[in-house]
Each structure stands twice: as C-alpha cells, then as structure tokens.
Amino acid sequence: MLIPRRKKVVAVLDDDHSSLSAVVSLLDALGFETVLFSSSEDFLARGVAPQVDCLLLDIHLGAVSGIEIRRQLKASHSTLPVIFITALSDERVRQRALDVGCVACLRKPFRADQLLDAIEKATSGRYH
C-alpha cells in the first residue's frame, strides 16, 4: 500500500501584501502548504515554529526585523530552518542574515527554482 507523503508546510512572514501574495501563489503552484504572517508580532504570538517545515522570512519588517526574529528563534533553541528574503541588495544586511544563521538569502524577485532549491535544502537538513 502506498502511503501519500505529507505536503511540506512553509511559513511566510512578509509585511508587503503584494510580495506575500506573490510568494504564496508561487508556493501553492509548487505544491506546498503555507501559513501566512503579515507582522513579526503575529508570527511570535502564534507560536507555529514547531508545526512548519521552514520559514520564509523578510528581513525588513515593521517593529521587529527578520534578523531579530531569527535571533529570538535561536535563543529559544528552535531548529526551524530560515530562508531570508529581501528587496534590497545591501551586502552588509545580507552578511548579517548569514551571520545569524539561514539556509539562504534570496533577493526579490527571485526565481521559482531558487526558492525550490532553498526549501529543499532547508527541509532536508543539508544546511547544518
């Protein structure tokens, strides 16, 4: 008997509605389930990190930056893999993202294959 595989669940945190909508459409087309957040406060309050396979996290958010969210996850010993996304091409910000720990740092707009590769890397555990 063939047991169906569970769809991977990707949490997406981005405060830009159009970007959030585009990413969710892409993830749906690629066959992923999504959990959406439009603010860091909402993400932190809902405590979904244990129920998702990876987090697609915008670096530049409102009150709490994506980098700070990653630091908080690390401090709480979360093993949730993080893929940073950003619209800016600032190398210092990219380096800070890499320093706090991430699977990948993608610049918007990114290609579907880049996102798929990052999610595969995040959910296979190859990034450790």
Protein backbone atom coordinates (compact mmCIF):
# COMPACT_ATOMS: atom_id res chain seq x y z
CA MET A 1 0.00 0.00 0.00
CA LEU A 2 1.36 3.39 -1.00
CA ILE A 3 1.15 5.97 1.78
CA PRO A 4 0.80 9.54 0.49
CA ARG A 5 3.55 11.90 1.53
CA ARG A 6 2.63 14.91 3.63
CA LYS A 7 2.95 18.25 1.90
CA LYS A 8 5.72 20.40 3.31
CA VAL A 9 4.46 23.43 5.21
CA VAL A 10 6.21 26.76 4.63
CA ALA A 11 5.52 29.71 6.93
CA VAL A 12 5.83 33.04 5.14
CA LEU A 13 6.40 36.28 7.05
CA ASP A 14 6.36 39.42 4.92
CA ASP A 15 4.69 42.76 5.69
CA ASP A 16 4.40 43.69 2.00
CA HIS A 17 0.98 42.40 0.92
CA SER A 18 1.81 42.17 -2.80
CA SER A 19 5.04 40.28 -2.11
CA LEU A 20 3.27 37.97 0.34
CA SER A 21 0.56 37.25 -2.21
CA ALA A 22 3.08 36.53 -4.99
CA VAL A 23 5.15 34.18 -2.81
CA VAL A 24 2.07 32.31 -1.63
CA SER A 25 0.87 31.86 -5.22
CA LEU A 26 4.29 30.50 -6.19
CA LEU A 27 4.42 28.14 -3.20
CA ASP A 28 0.91 26.88 -3.94
CA ALA A 29 1.89 26.24 -7.58
CA LEU A 30 4.96 24.32 -6.36
CA GLY A 31 2.77 22.11 -4.15
CA PHE A 32 3.49 23.47 -0.67
CA GLU A 33 1.07 24.30 2.10
CA THR A 34 1.52 27.78 3.52
CA VAL A 35 0.94 29.59 6.80
CA LEU A 36 0.94 33.35 6.34
CA PHE A 37 2.01 36.18 8.61
CA SER A 38 2.00 39.88 7.81
CA SER A 39 3.76 41.01 11.00
CA SER A 40 6.50 39.75 13.27
CA GLU A 41 4.20 40.24 16.26
CA ASP A 42 1.62 37.90 14.71
CA PHE A 43 4.28 35.27 13.99
CA LEU A 44 5.71 35.42 17.51
CA ALA A 45 2.27 35.39 19.17
CA ARG A 46 1.01 32.35 17.26
CA GLY A 47 3.99 30.14 18.07
CA VAL A 48 3.80 28.00 14.94
CA ALA A 49 7.51 27.26 14.60
CA PRO A 50 7.13 23.61 15.70
CA GLN A 51 4.34 22.95 13.15
CA VAL A 52 6.08 24.16 9.99
CA ASP A 53 8.97 22.79 7.96
CA CYS A 54 10.69 26.09 7.25
CA LEU A 55 10.22 29.85 7.47
CA LEU A 56 10.47 32.23 4.52
CA LEU A 57 11.29 35.47 6.35
CA ASP A 58 11.52 39.02 5.05
CA ILE A 59 14.48 40.86 6.54
CA HIS A 60 12.86 44.31 6.60
CA LEU A 61 9.70 44.23 8.67
CA GLY A 62 7.98 46.80 10.87
CA ALA A 63 8.71 46.78 14.59
CA VAL A 64 10.83 43.63 14.77
CA SER A 65 13.21 42.83 11.89
CA GLY A 66 13.55 39.41 10.33
CA ILE A 67 17.09 39.23 11.68
CA GLU A 68 15.77 39.84 15.21
CA ILE A 69 13.09 37.16 14.70
CA ARG A 70 15.87 34.72 13.74
CA ARG A 71 17.85 35.69 16.85
CA GLN A 72 14.80 35.05 19.04
CA LEU A 73 14.23 31.66 17.42
CA LYS A 74 17.87 30.76 18.02
CA ALA A 75 17.70 31.93 21.65
CA SER A 76 14.70 29.68 22.22
CA HIS A 77 16.68 26.74 20.73
CA SER A 78 14.34 26.45 17.75
CA THR A 79 15.70 24.37 14.89
CA LEU A 80 13.29 25.92 12.38
CA PRO A 81 15.21 26.49 9.14
CA VAL A 82 15.02 30.10 7.91
CA ILE A 83 15.23 31.38 4.35
CA PHE A 84 15.63 35.15 4.29
CA ILE A 85 14.14 37.26 1.52
CA THR A 86 14.81 40.93 0.84
CA ALA A 87 14.18 43.53 -1.82
CA LEU A 88 17.44 45.33 -1.04
CA SER A 89 20.85 44.45 -2.43
CA ASP A 90 22.79 45.65 0.62
CA GLU A 91 25.75 43.30 1.16
CA ARG A 92 26.05 44.27 4.86
CA VAL A 93 22.45 43.24 5.51
CA ARG A 94 22.98 40.01 3.60
CA GLN A 95 26.07 39.27 5.70
CA ARG A 96 24.13 39.94 8.94
CA ALA A 97 21.47 37.49 7.74
CA LEU A 98 24.11 34.85 7.07
CA ASP A 99 25.75 35.53 10.44
CA VAL A 100 22.53 34.87 12.41
CA GLY A 101 22.02 31.65 10.51
CA CYS A 102 19.94 30.92 7.47
CA VAL A 103 19.65 28.36 4.73
CA ALA A 104 19.65 31.01 2.01
CA CYS A 105 19.20 34.73 1.47
CA LEU A 106 17.16 35.41 -1.68
CA ARG A 107 16.80 38.80 -3.34
CA LYS A 108 13.30 39.71 -4.52
CA PRO A 109 12.18 38.99 -7.11
CA PHE A 110 13.64 35.51 -7.02
CA ARG A 111 13.11 32.66 -9.47
CA ALA A 112 10.96 29.65 -8.62
CA ASP A 113 13.94 27.30 -8.93
CA GLN A 114 15.95 29.38 -6.41
CA LEU A 115 13.11 29.17 -3.89
CA LEU A 116 12.58 25.47 -4.53
CA ASP A 117 16.30 24.74 -4.06
CA ALA A 118 16.37 26.71 -0.79
CA ILE A 119 13.27 24.93 0.56
CA GLU A 120 14.68 21.54 -0.42
CA LYS A 121 17.93 22.37 1.34
CA ALA A 122 16.06 23.65 4.42
CA THR A 123 13.76 20.68 4.75
CA SER A 124 16.35 18.01 4.04
CA GLY A 125 18.65 19.20 6.81
CA ARG A 126 21.58 19.76 4.44
CA TYR A 127 22.21 23.29 5.69
CA HIS A 128 23.68 22.37 9.10
